[in-house]
Amino acid sequence: MRYLLVKSILFGIALLPGMASAEKTELGEVVTERNESICKQKFTQELFTQQRIFSSTRNGPDKRRIAERKIAASREKYSLTASYCDAYDVIITFEPETLDRRPGDAQFD
């Protein structure tokens, strides 16, 4: 009797991962342009790119200032909406109205 019980438990344990992965593929994650996990990856990559632009002394002050403003605008949008997709849209499309210095901006002199 114990043998059958142990065998059925082991058999069940062996099948569970396969059943779980089958359910996962059937249900799947919906891939759309507004998928937060995809947007999070894209946003993170673009944020790092803008950070490299901002941090590099090889770039001119205007280019660095634009990167700084894009980072600030996307962080502000994320804090308001808690959406990586919204923050990604901002960091990609943001164009500053002016490059005049603001309080808290880095100094590129």
PDB file of N, CA and C in Angstrom:
ATOM      1  N   MET A   1       0.821  -1.188   0.000  1.00  0.00           N
ATOM      2  CA  MET A   1       0.000   0.000   0.000  1.00  0.00           C
ATOM      3  C   MET A   1       0.870   1.259   0.000  1.00  0.00           C
ATOM      4  N   ARG A   2       1.898   1.248   0.836  1.00  0.00           N
ATOM      5  CA  ARG A   2       2.802   2.400   0.868  1.00  0.00           C
ATOM      6  C   ARG A   2       3.480   2.600  -0.483  1.00  0.00           C
ATOM      7  N   TYR A   3       3.815   1.492  -1.101  1.00  0.00           N
ATOM      8  CA  TYR A   3       4.472   1.562  -2.395  1.00  0.00           C
ATOM      9  C   TYR A   3       3.592   2.306  -3.399  1.00  0.00           C
ATOM     10  N   LEU A   4       2.311   1.976  -3.432  1.00  0.00           N
ATOM     11  CA  LEU A   4       1.391   2.646  -4.355  1.00  0.00           C
ATOM     12  C   LEU A   4       1.232   4.124  -4.010  1.00  0.00           C
ATOM     13  N   LEU A   5       1.168   4.422  -2.731  1.00  0.00           N
ATOM     14  CA  LEU A   5       1.036   5.810  -2.298  1.00  0.00           C
ATOM     15  C   LEU A   5       2.267   6.625  -2.706  1.00  0.00           C
ATOM     16  N   VAL A   6       3.452   6.088  -2.433  1.00  0.00           N
ATOM     17  CA  VAL A   6       4.691   6.778  -2.787  1.00  0.00           C
ATOM     18  C   VAL A   6       4.801   6.918  -4.302  1.00  0.00           C
ATOM     19  N   LYS A   7       4.455   5.865  -5.019  1.00  0.00           N
ATOM     20  CA  LYS A   7       4.538   5.904  -6.473  1.00  0.00           C
ATOM     21  C   LYS A   7       3.567   6.933  -7.049  1.00  0.00           C
ATOM     22  N   SER A   8       2.362   7.010  -6.518  1.00  0.00           N
ATOM     23  CA  SER A   8       1.395   7.988  -7.032  1.00  0.00           C
ATOM     24  C   SER A   8       1.826   9.418  -6.694  1.00  0.00           C
ATOM     25  N   ILE A   9       2.435   9.618  -5.527  1.00  0.00           N
ATOM     26  CA  ILE A   9       2.935  10.951  -5.169  1.00  0.00           C
ATOM     27  C   ILE A   9       4.070  11.351  -6.108  1.00  0.00           C
ATOM     28  N   LEU A  10       5.020  10.450  -6.333  1.00  0.00           N
ATOM     29  CA  LEU A  10       6.130  10.749  -7.237  1.00  0.00           C
ATOM     30  C   LEU A  10       5.641  10.989  -8.662  1.00  0.00           C
ATOM     31  N   PHE A  11       4.666  10.203  -9.085  1.00  0.00           N
ATOM     32  CA  PHE A  11       4.101  10.376 -10.420  1.00  0.00           C
ATOM     33  C   PHE A  11       3.421  11.743 -10.530  1.00  0.00           C
ATOM     34  N   GLY A  12       2.695  12.127  -9.491  1.00  0.00           N
ATOM     35  CA  GLY A  12       2.027  13.435  -9.475  1.00  0.00           C
ATOM     36  C   GLY A  12       3.023  14.580  -9.485  1.00  0.00           C
ATOM     37  N   ILE A  13       4.097  14.433  -8.724  1.00  0.00           N
ATOM     38  CA  ILE A  13       5.131  15.473  -8.688  1.00  0.00           C
ATOM     39  C   ILE A  13       5.797  15.605 -10.058  1.00  0.00           C
ATOM     40  N   ALA A  14       5.994  14.491 -10.731  1.00  0.00           N
ATOM     41  CA  ALA A  14       6.624  14.529 -12.051  1.00  0.00           C
ATOM     42  C   ALA A  14       5.717  15.198 -13.081  1.00  0.00           C
ATOM     43  N   LEU A  15       4.405  15.051 -12.934  1.00  0.00           N
ATOM     44  CA  LEU A  15       3.471  15.620 -13.909  1.00  0.00           C
ATOM     45  C   LEU A  15       3.131  17.081 -13.654  1.00  0.00           C
ATOM     46  N   LEU A  16       3.199  17.532 -12.413  1.00  0.00           N
ATOM     47  CA  LEU A  16       2.788  18.903 -12.090  1.00  0.00           C
ATOM     48  C   LEU A  16       3.518  19.979 -12.887  1.00  0.00           C
ATOM     49  N   PRO A  17       4.837  19.951 -12.993  1.00  0.00           N
ATOM     50  CA  PRO A  17       5.500  21.004 -13.772  1.00  0.00           C
ATOM     51  C   PRO A  17       5.054  21.024 -15.235  1.00  0.00           C
ATOM     52  N   GLY A  18       4.855  19.854 -15.815  1.00  0.00           N
ATOM     53  CA  GLY A  18       4.392  19.785 -17.198  1.00  0.00           C
ATOM     54  C   GLY A  18       2.997  20.344 -17.363  1.00  0.00           C
ATOM     55  N   MET A  19       2.122  20.044 -16.412  1.00  0.00           N
ATOM     56  CA  MET A  19       0.757  20.562 -16.472  1.00  0.00           C
ATOM     57  C   MET A  19       0.759  22.076 -16.286  1.00  0.00           C
ATOM     58  N   ALA A  20       1.582  22.560 -15.383  1.00  0.00           N
ATOM     59  CA  ALA A  20       1.639  24.001 -15.132  1.00  0.00           C
ATOM     60  C   ALA A  20       2.158  24.744 -16.356  1.00  0.00           C
ATOM     61  N   SER A  21       3.168  24.191 -17.013  1.00  0.00           N
ATOM     62  CA  SER A  21       3.692  24.873 -18.203  1.00  0.00           C
ATOM     63  C   SER A  21       2.706  24.799 -19.353  1.00  0.00           C
ATOM     64  N   ALA A  22       1.931  23.712 -19.433  1.00  0.00           N
ATOM     65  CA  ALA A  22       0.915  23.619 -20.481  1.00  0.00           C
ATOM     66  C   ALA A  22      -0.159  24.678 -20.262  1.00  0.00           C
ATOM     67  N   GLU A  23      -0.575  24.857 -19.013  1.00  0.00           N
ATOM     68  CA  GLU A  23      -1.573  25.886 -18.721  1.00  0.00           C
ATOM     69  C   GLU A  23      -1.020  27.268 -19.030  1.00  0.00           C
ATOM     70  N   LYS A  24       0.235  27.494 -18.722  1.00  0.00           N
ATOM     71  CA  LYS A  24       0.853  28.800 -18.947  1.00  0.00           C
ATOM     72  C   LYS A  24       0.901  29.121 -20.440  1.00  0.00           C
ATOM     73  N   THR A  25       1.215  28.107 -21.268  1.00  0.00           N
ATOM     74  CA  THR A  25       1.274  28.372 -22.704  1.00  0.00           C
ATOM     75  C   THR A  25      -0.113  28.565 -23.281  1.00  0.00           C
ATOM     76  N   GLU A  26      -1.088  27.862 -22.758  1.00  0.00           N
ATOM     77  CA  GLU A  26      -2.452  28.043 -23.258  1.00  0.00           C
ATOM     78  C   GLU A  26      -2.958  29.437 -22.914  1.00  0.00           C
ATOM     79  N   LEU A  27      -2.764  29.830 -21.661  1.00  0.00           N
ATOM     80  CA  LEU A  27      -3.231  31.148 -21.252  1.00  0.00           C
ATOM     81  C   LEU A  27      -2.295  32.212 -21.793  1.00  0.00           C
ATOM     82  N   GLY A  28      -1.010  32.030 -21.562  1.00  0.00           N
ATOM     83  CA  GLY A  28      -0.001  32.943 -22.076  1.00  0.00           C
ATOM     84  C   GLY A  28      -0.151  34.360 -21.587  1.00  0.00           C
ATOM     85  N   GLU A  29       0.860  35.135 -21.849  1.00  0.00           N
ATOM     86  CA  GLU A  29       0.842  36.550 -21.516  1.00  0.00           C
ATOM     87  C   GLU A  29       0.518  37.297 -22.796  1.00  0.00           C
ATOM     88  N   VAL A  30      -0.472  38.151 -22.730  1.00  0.00           N
ATOM     89  CA  VAL A  30      -0.889  38.885 -23.913  1.00  0.00           C
ATOM     90  C   VAL A  30       0.194  39.890 -24.283  1.00  0.00           C
ATOM     91  N   VAL A  31       0.655  39.793 -25.504  1.00  0.00           N
ATOM     92  CA  VAL A  31       1.714  40.684 -25.965  1.00  0.00           C
ATOM     93  C   VAL A  31       1.078  41.807 -26.773  1.00  0.00           C
ATOM     94  N   THR A  32       1.053  42.978 -26.182  1.00  0.00           N
ATOM     95  CA  THR A  32       0.550  44.166 -26.862  1.00  0.00           C
ATOM     96  C   THR A  32       1.544  45.280 -26.641  1.00  0.00           C
ATOM     97  N   GLU A  33       1.314  46.389 -27.296  1.00  0.00           N
ATOM     98  CA  GLU A  33       2.215  47.519 -27.117  1.00  0.00           C
ATOM     99  C   GLU A  33       2.097  48.122 -25.724  1.00  0.00           C
ATOM    100  N   ARG A  34       1.004  47.895 -25.025  1.00  0.00           N
ATOM    101  CA  ARG A  34       0.797  48.468 -23.702  1.00  0.00           C
ATOM    102  C   ARG A  34       1.025  47.435 -22.596  1.00  0.00           C
ATOM    103  N   ASN A  35       1.789  46.408 -22.872  1.00  0.00           N
ATOM    104  CA  ASN A  35       2.103  45.394 -21.886  1.00  0.00           C
ATOM    105  C   ASN A  35       3.145  45.959 -20.923  1.00  0.00           C
ATOM    106  N   GLU A  36       2.800  46.035 -19.647  1.00  0.00           N
ATOM    107  CA  GLU A  36       3.675  46.686 -18.658  1.00  0.00           C
ATOM    108  C   GLU A  36       5.043  46.016 -18.534  1.00  0.00           C
ATOM    109  N   SER A  37       5.098  44.690 -18.614  1.00  0.00           N
ATOM    110  CA  SER A  37       6.409  44.044 -18.467  1.00  0.00           C
ATOM    111  C   SER A  37       7.304  44.350 -19.670  1.00  0.00           C
ATOM    112  N   ILE A  38       6.725  44.420 -20.855  1.00  0.00           N
ATOM    113  CA  ILE A  38       7.505  44.793 -22.038  1.00  0.00           C
ATOM    114  C   ILE A  38       7.915  46.257 -21.942  1.00  0.00           C
ATOM    115  N   CYS A  39       6.968  47.110 -21.549  1.00  0.00           N
ATOM    116  CA  CYS A  39       7.272  48.541 -21.406  1.00  0.00           C
ATOM    117  C   CYS A  39       8.347  48.775 -20.349  1.00  0.00           C
ATOM    118  N   LYS A  40       8.320  47.974 -19.288  1.00  0.00           N
ATOM    119  CA  LYS A  40       9.321  48.129 -18.231  1.00  0.00           C
ATOM    120  C   LYS A  40      10.719  47.860 -18.781  1.00  0.00           C
ATOM    121  N   GLN A  41      10.849  46.816 -19.593  1.00  0.00           N
ATOM    122  CA  GLN A  41      12.150  46.504 -20.189  1.00  0.00           C
ATOM    123  C   GLN A  41      12.604  47.620 -21.129  1.00  0.00           C
ATOM    124  N   LYS A  42      11.685  48.086 -21.970  1.00  0.00           N
ATOM    125  CA  LYS A  42      12.029  49.161 -22.911  1.00  0.00           C
ATOM    126  C   LYS A  42      12.375  50.446 -22.168  1.00  0.00           C
ATOM    127  N   PHE A  43      11.572  50.766 -21.148  1.00  0.00           N
ATOM    128  CA  PHE A  43      11.809  51.981 -20.373  1.00  0.00           C
ATOM    129  C   PHE A  43      13.162  51.925 -19.675  1.00  0.00           C
ATOM    130  N   THR A  44      13.466  50.788 -19.070  1.00  0.00           N
ATOM    131  CA  THR A  44      14.737  50.630 -18.366  1.00  0.00           C
ATOM    132  C   THR A  44      15.908  50.819 -19.324  1.00  0.00           C
ATOM    133  N   GLN A  45      15.811  50.218 -20.498  1.00  0.00           N
ATOM    134  CA  GLN A  45      16.888  50.348 -21.484  1.00  0.00           C
ATOM    135  C   GLN A  45      17.050  51.798 -21.925  1.00  0.00           C
ATOM    136  N   GLU A  46      15.935  52.470 -22.219  1.00  0.00           N
ATOM    137  CA  GLU A  46      16.014  53.864 -22.666  1.00  0.00           C
ATOM    138  C   GLU A  46      16.494  54.781 -21.542  1.00  0.00           C
ATOM    139  N   LEU A  47      16.083  54.485 -20.309  1.00  0.00           N
ATOM    140  CA  LEU A  47      16.539  55.276 -19.169  1.00  0.00           C
ATOM    141  C   LEU A  47      18.059  55.169 -19.015  1.00  0.00           C
ATOM    142  N   PHE A  48      18.595  53.955 -19.161  1.00  0.00           N
ATOM    143  CA  PHE A  48      20.050  53.775 -19.097  1.00  0.00           C
ATOM    144  C   PHE A  48      20.744  54.520 -20.233  1.00  0.00           C
ATOM    145  N   THR A  49      20.149  54.488 -21.412  1.00  0.00           N
ATOM    146  CA  THR A  49      20.724  55.208 -22.554  1.00  0.00           C
ATOM    147  C   THR A  49      20.780  56.702 -22.272  1.00  0.00           C
ATOM    148  N   GLN A  50      19.682  57.257 -21.773  1.00  0.00           N
ATOM    149  CA  GLN A  50      19.645  58.683 -21.457  1.00  0.00           C
ATOM    150  C   GLN A  50      20.616  59.016 -20.324  1.00  0.00           C
ATOM    151  N   GLN A  51      20.760  58.102 -19.374  1.00  0.00           N
ATOM    152  CA  GLN A  51      21.700  58.323 -18.267  1.00  0.00           C
ATOM    153  C   GLN A  51      23.139  58.359 -18.780  1.00  0.00           C
ATOM    154  N   ARG A  52      23.456  57.481 -19.744  1.00  0.00           N
ATOM    155  CA  ARG A  52      24.799  57.498 -20.339  1.00  0.00           C
ATOM    156  C   ARG A  52      25.046  58.804 -21.088  1.00  0.00           C
ATOM    157  N   ILE A  53      24.025  59.268 -21.817  1.00  0.00           N
ATOM    158  CA  ILE A  53      24.158  60.542 -22.534  1.00  0.00           C
ATOM    159  C   ILE A  53      24.390  61.673 -21.537  1.00  0.00           C
ATOM    160  N   PHE A  54      23.607  61.684 -20.472  1.00  0.00           N
ATOM    161  CA  PHE A  54      23.710  62.724 -19.456  1.00  0.00           C
ATOM    162  C   PHE A  54      25.074  62.699 -18.764  1.00  0.00           C
ATOM    163  N   SER A  55      25.588  61.519 -18.497  1.00  0.00           N
ATOM    164  CA  SER A  55      26.818  61.386 -17.712  1.00  0.00           C
ATOM    165  C   SER A  55      28.093  61.584 -18.517  1.00  0.00           C
ATOM    166  N   SER A  56      28.014  61.453 -19.824  1.00  0.00           N
ATOM    167  CA  SER A  56      29.218  61.523 -20.649  1.00  0.00           C
ATOM    168  C   SER A  56      29.672  62.963 -20.858  1.00  0.00           C
ATOM    169  N   THR A  57      30.916  63.224 -20.519  1.00  0.00           N
ATOM    170  CA  THR A  57      31.468  64.565 -20.727  1.00  0.00           C
ATOM    171  C   THR A  57      31.799  64.816 -22.197  1.00  0.00           C
ATOM    172  N   ARG A  58      31.721  63.789 -23.014  1.00  0.00           N
ATOM    173  CA  ARG A  58      31.962  63.945 -24.453  1.00  0.00           C
ATOM    174  C   ARG A  58      30.795  64.646 -25.145  1.00  0.00           C
ATOM    175  N   ASN A  59      29.610  64.550 -24.549  1.00  0.00           N
ATOM    176  CA  ASN A  59      28.433  65.205 -25.122  1.00  0.00           C
ATOM    177  C   ASN A  59      28.408  66.670 -24.714  1.00  0.00           C
ATOM    178  N   GLY A  60      27.857  67.485 -25.574  1.00  0.00           N
ATOM    179  CA  GLY A  60      27.758  68.911 -25.281  1.00  0.00           C
ATOM    180  C   GLY A  60      26.715  69.202 -24.219  1.00  0.00           C
ATOM    181  N   PRO A  61      26.724  70.418 -23.681  1.00  0.00           N
ATOM    182  CA  PRO A  61      25.787  70.769 -22.614  1.00  0.00           C
ATOM    183  C   PRO A  61      24.319  70.667 -23.031  1.00  0.00           C
ATOM    184  N   ASP A  62      23.997  71.003 -24.282  1.00  0.00           N
ATOM    185  CA  ASP A  62      22.600  70.927 -24.720  1.00  0.00           C
ATOM    186  C   ASP A  62      22.101  69.486 -24.767  1.00  0.00           C
ATOM    187  N   LYS A  63      22.913  68.608 -25.315  1.00  0.00           N
ATOM    188  CA  LYS A  63      22.531  67.198 -25.400  1.00  0.00           C
ATOM    189  C   LYS A  63      22.374  66.595 -24.005  1.00  0.00           C
ATOM    190  N   ARG A  64      23.264  66.952 -23.114  1.00  0.00           N
ATOM    191  CA  ARG A  64      23.188  66.450 -21.740  1.00  0.00           C
ATOM    192  C   ARG A  64      21.967  67.008 -21.015  1.00  0.00           C
ATOM    193  N   ARG A  65      21.658  68.276 -21.255  1.00  0.00           N
ATOM    194  CA  ARG A  65      20.497  68.902 -20.623  1.00  0.00           C
ATOM    195  C   ARG A  65      19.194  68.248 -21.110  1.00  0.00           C
ATOM    196  N   ILE A  66      19.109  67.949 -22.410  1.00  0.00           N
ATOM    197  CA  ILE A  66      17.919  67.280 -22.949  1.00  0.00           C
ATOM    198  C   ILE A  66      17.749  65.911 -22.295  1.00  0.00           C
ATOM    199  N   ALA A  67      18.838  65.160 -22.161  1.00  0.00           N
ATOM    200  CA  ALA A  67      18.770  63.852 -21.506  1.00  0.00           C
ATOM    201  C   ALA A  67      18.309  63.998 -20.060  1.00  0.00           C
ATOM    202  N   GLU A  68      18.834  65.011 -19.377  1.00  0.00           N
ATOM    203  CA  GLU A  68      18.436  65.262 -17.985  1.00  0.00           C
ATOM    204  C   GLU A  68      16.938  65.550 -17.897  1.00  0.00           C
ATOM    205  N   ARG A  69      16.428  66.355 -18.809  1.00  0.00           N
ATOM    206  CA  ARG A  69      15.003  66.708 -18.808  1.00  0.00           C
ATOM    207  C   ARG A  69      14.130  65.503 -19.161  1.00  0.00           C
ATOM    208  N   LYS A  70      14.589  64.674 -20.099  1.00  0.00           N
ATOM    209  CA  LYS A  70      13.835  63.470 -20.451  1.00  0.00           C
ATOM    210  C   LYS A  70      13.725  62.531 -19.253  1.00  0.00           C
ATOM    211  N   ILE A  71      14.823  62.361 -18.548  1.00  0.00           N
ATOM    212  CA  ILE A  71      14.822  61.495 -17.367  1.00  0.00           C
ATOM    213  C   ILE A  71      13.862  62.039 -16.319  1.00  0.00           C
ATOM    214  N   ALA A  72      13.949  63.336 -16.058  1.00  0.00           N
ATOM    215  CA  ALA A  72      13.084  63.950 -15.041  1.00  0.00           C
ATOM    216  C   ALA A  72      11.611  63.850 -15.430  1.00  0.00           C
ATOM    217  N   ALA A  73      11.298  64.109 -16.701  1.00  0.00           N
ATOM    218  CA  ALA A  73       9.903  64.062 -17.154  1.00  0.00           C
ATOM    219  C   ALA A  73       9.339  62.645 -17.082  1.00  0.00           C
ATOM    220  N   SER A  74      10.144  61.650 -17.448  1.00  0.00           N
ATOM    221  CA  SER A  74       9.652  60.272 -17.408  1.00  0.00           C
ATOM    222  C   SER A  74       9.473  59.788 -15.973  1.00  0.00           C
ATOM    223  N   ARG A  75      10.357  60.192 -15.080  1.00  0.00           N
ATOM    224  CA  ARG A  75      10.197  59.820 -13.666  1.00  0.00           C
ATOM    225  C   ARG A  75       8.955  60.468 -13.071  1.00  0.00           C
ATOM    226  N   GLU A  76       8.711  61.715 -13.445  1.00  0.00           N
ATOM    227  CA  GLU A  76       7.516  62.404 -12.950  1.00  0.00           C
ATOM    228  C   GLU A  76       6.249  61.715 -13.461  1.00  0.00           C
ATOM    229  N   LYS A  77       6.246  61.331 -14.739  1.00  0.00           N
ATOM    230  CA  LYS A  77       5.082  60.649 -15.316  1.00  0.00           C
ATOM    231  C   LYS A  77       4.858  59.317 -14.623  1.00  0.00           C
ATOM    232  N   TYR A  78       5.936  58.577 -14.360  1.00  0.00           N
ATOM    233  CA  TYR A  78       5.792  57.299 -13.670  1.00  0.00           C
ATOM    234  C   TYR A  78       5.257  57.492 -12.257  1.00  0.00           C
ATOM    235  N   SER A  79       5.709  58.523 -11.576  1.00  0.00           N
ATOM    236  CA  SER A  79       5.227  58.753 -10.207  1.00  0.00           C
ATOM    237  C   SER A  79       3.747  59.131 -10.197  1.00  0.00           C
ATOM    238  N   LEU A  80       3.268  59.738 -11.278  1.00  0.00           N
ATOM    239  CA  LEU A  80       1.848  60.102 -11.357  1.00  0.00           C
ATOM    240  C   LEU A  80       0.959  58.932 -11.768  1.00  0.00           C
ATOM    241  N   THR A  81       1.423  58.110 -12.709  1.00  0.00           N
ATOM    242  CA  THR A  81       0.563  57.068 -13.281  1.00  0.00           C
ATOM    243  C   THR A  81       0.932  55.649 -12.862  1.00  0.00           C
ATOM    244  N   ALA A  82       2.137  55.454 -12.356  1.00  0.00           N
ATOM    245  CA  ALA A  82       2.651  54.118 -12.006  1.00  0.00           C
ATOM    246  C   ALA A  82       2.596  53.185 -13.214  1.00  0.00           C
ATOM    247  N   SER A  83       2.801  53.742 -14.401  1.00  0.00           N
ATOM    248  CA  SER A  83       2.773  52.964 -15.637  1.00  0.00           C
ATOM    249  C   SER A  83       4.101  53.120 -16.370  1.00  0.00           C
ATOM    250  N   TYR A  84       4.754  51.976 -16.603  1.00  0.00           N
ATOM    251  CA  TYR A  84       5.998  52.010 -17.362  1.00  0.00           C
ATOM    252  C   TYR A  84       5.740  52.402 -18.812  1.00  0.00           C
ATOM    253  N   CYS A  85       4.572  52.034 -19.336  1.00  0.00           N
ATOM    254  CA  CYS A  85       4.245  52.389 -20.721  1.00  0.00           C
ATOM    255  C   CYS A  85       4.129  53.905 -20.875  1.00  0.00           C
ATOM    256  N   ASP A  86       3.470  54.556 -19.927  1.00  0.00           N
ATOM    257  CA  ASP A  86       3.352  56.016 -19.977  1.00  0.00           C
ATOM    258  C   ASP A  86       4.725  56.674 -19.831  1.00  0.00           C
ATOM    259  N   ALA A  87       5.526  56.163 -18.915  1.00  0.00           N
ATOM    260  CA  ALA A  87       6.869  56.722 -18.706  1.00  0.00           C
ATOM    261  C   ALA A  87       7.742  56.515 -19.943  1.00  0.00           C
ATOM    262  N   TYR A  88       7.609  55.365 -20.588  1.00  0.00           N
ATOM    263  CA  TYR A  88       8.378  55.089 -21.803  1.00  0.00           C
ATOM    264  C   TYR A  88       7.969  56.043 -22.926  1.00  0.00           C
ATOM    265  N   ASP A  89       6.663  56.269 -23.065  1.00  0.00           N
ATOM    266  CA  ASP A  89       6.184  57.217 -24.082  1.00  0.00           C
ATOM    267  C   ASP A  89       6.798  58.600 -23.868  1.00  0.00           C
ATOM    268  N   VAL A  90       6.865  59.022 -22.611  1.00  0.00           N
ATOM    269  CA  VAL A  90       7.410  60.347 -22.307  1.00  0.00           C
ATOM    270  C   VAL A  90       8.899  60.411 -22.621  1.00  0.00           C
ATOM    271  N   ILE A  91       9.649  59.410 -22.211  1.00  0.00           N
ATOM    272  CA  ILE A  91      11.105  59.468 -22.409  1.00  0.00           C
ATOM    273  C   ILE A  91      11.471  59.404 -23.896  1.00  0.00           C
ATOM    274  N   ILE A  92      10.630  58.794 -24.704  1.00  0.00           N
ATOM    275  CA  ILE A  92      10.883  58.705 -26.143  1.00  0.00           C
ATOM    276  C   ILE A  92      10.474  59.984 -26.866  1.00  0.00           C
ATOM    277  N   THR A  93       9.338  60.562 -26.482  1.00  0.00           N
ATOM    278  CA  THR A  93       8.772  61.676 -27.251  1.00  0.00           C
ATOM    279  C   THR A  93       9.019  63.051 -26.652  1.00  0.00           C
ATOM    280  N   PHE A  94       9.574  63.129 -25.457  1.00  0.00           N
ATOM    281  CA  PHE A  94       9.706  64.414 -24.770  1.00  0.00           C
ATOM    282  C   PHE A  94      10.657  65.352 -25.504  1.00  0.00           C
ATOM    283  N   GLU A  95      10.198  66.562 -25.721  1.00  0.00           N
ATOM    284  CA  GLU A  95      11.030  67.635 -26.275  1.00  0.00           C
ATOM    285  C   GLU A  95      10.915  68.824 -25.326  1.00  0.00           C
ATOM    286  N   PRO A  96      12.002  69.241 -24.704  1.00  0.00           N
ATOM    287  CA  PRO A  96      11.919  70.361 -23.761  1.00  0.00           C
ATOM    288  C   PRO A  96      11.575  71.666 -24.481  1.00  0.00           C
ATOM    289  N   GLU A  97      10.780  72.491 -23.798  1.00  0.00           N
ATOM    290  CA  GLU A  97      10.403  73.788 -24.365  1.00  0.00           C
ATOM    291  C   GLU A  97      11.609  74.722 -24.405  1.00  0.00           C
ATOM    292  N   THR A  98      12.409  74.652 -23.385  1.00  0.00           N
ATOM    293  CA  THR A  98      13.587  75.512 -23.297  1.00  0.00           C
ATOM    294  C   THR A  98      14.703  74.754 -22.584  1.00  0.00           C
ATOM    295  N   LEU A  99      15.914  75.143 -22.861  1.00  0.00           N
ATOM    296  CA  LEU A  99      17.060  74.523 -22.190  1.00  0.00           C
ATOM    297  C   LEU A  99      17.649  75.437 -21.129  1.00  0.00           C
ATOM    298  N   ASP A 100      16.903  76.471 -20.768  1.00  0.00           N
ATOM    299  CA  ASP A 100      17.363  77.371 -19.712  1.00  0.00           C
ATOM    300  C   ASP A 100      17.532  76.593 -18.417  1.00  0.00           C
ATOM    301  N   ARG A 101      18.492  77.034 -17.613  1.00  0.00           N
ATOM    302  CA  ARG A 101      18.743  76.359 -16.332  1.00  0.00           C
ATOM    303  C   ARG A 101      17.565  76.509 -15.396  1.00  0.00           C
ATOM    304  N   ARG A 102      17.309  75.457 -14.662  1.00  0.00           N
ATOM    305  CA  ARG A 102      16.271  75.436 -13.636  1.00  0.00           C
ATOM    306  C   ARG A 102      16.938  75.074 -12.318  1.00  0.00           C
ATOM    307  N   PRO A 103      16.290  75.415 -11.216  1.00  0.00           N
ATOM    308  CA  PRO A 103      16.847  74.982  -9.927  1.00  0.00           C
ATOM    309  C   PRO A 103      16.953  73.452  -9.885  1.00  0.00           C
ATOM    310  N   GLY A 104      18.098  72.968  -9.472  1.00  0.00           N
ATOM    311  CA  GLY A 104      18.311  71.530  -9.373  1.00  0.00           C
ATOM    312  C   GLY A 104      18.971  70.907 -10.585  1.00  0.00           C
ATOM    313  N   ASP A 105      19.090  71.660 -11.682  1.00  0.00           N
ATOM    314  CA  ASP A 105      19.763  71.135 -12.869  1.00  0.00           C
ATOM    315  C   ASP A 105      21.262  71.008 -12.619  1.00  0.00           C
ATOM    316  N   ALA A 106      21.873  70.065 -13.323  1.00  0.00           N
ATOM    317  CA  ALA A 106      23.329  69.933 -13.258  1.00  0.00           C
ATOM    318  C   ALA A 106      23.967  71.121 -13.965  1.00  0.00           C
ATOM    319  N   GLN A 107      25.145  71.464 -13.538  1.00  0.00           N
ATOM    320  CA  GLN A 107      25.853  72.596 -14.149  1.00  0.00           C
ATOM    321  C   GLN A 107      26.880  72.058 -15.132  1.00  0.00           C
ATOM    322  N   PHE A 108      26.765  72.471 -16.375  1.00  0.00           N
ATOM    323  CA  PHE A 108      27.693  72.029 -17.417  1.00  0.00           C
ATOM    324  C   PHE A 108      28.526  73.212 -17.885  1.00  0.00           C
ATOM    325  N   ASP A 109      29.429  73.671 -17.077  1.00  0.00           N
ATOM    326  CA  ASP A 109      30.278  74.806 -17.458  1.00  0.00           C
ATOM    327  C   ASP A 109      31.716  74.400 -17.553  1.00  0.00           C
TER     328      ASP A 109
END
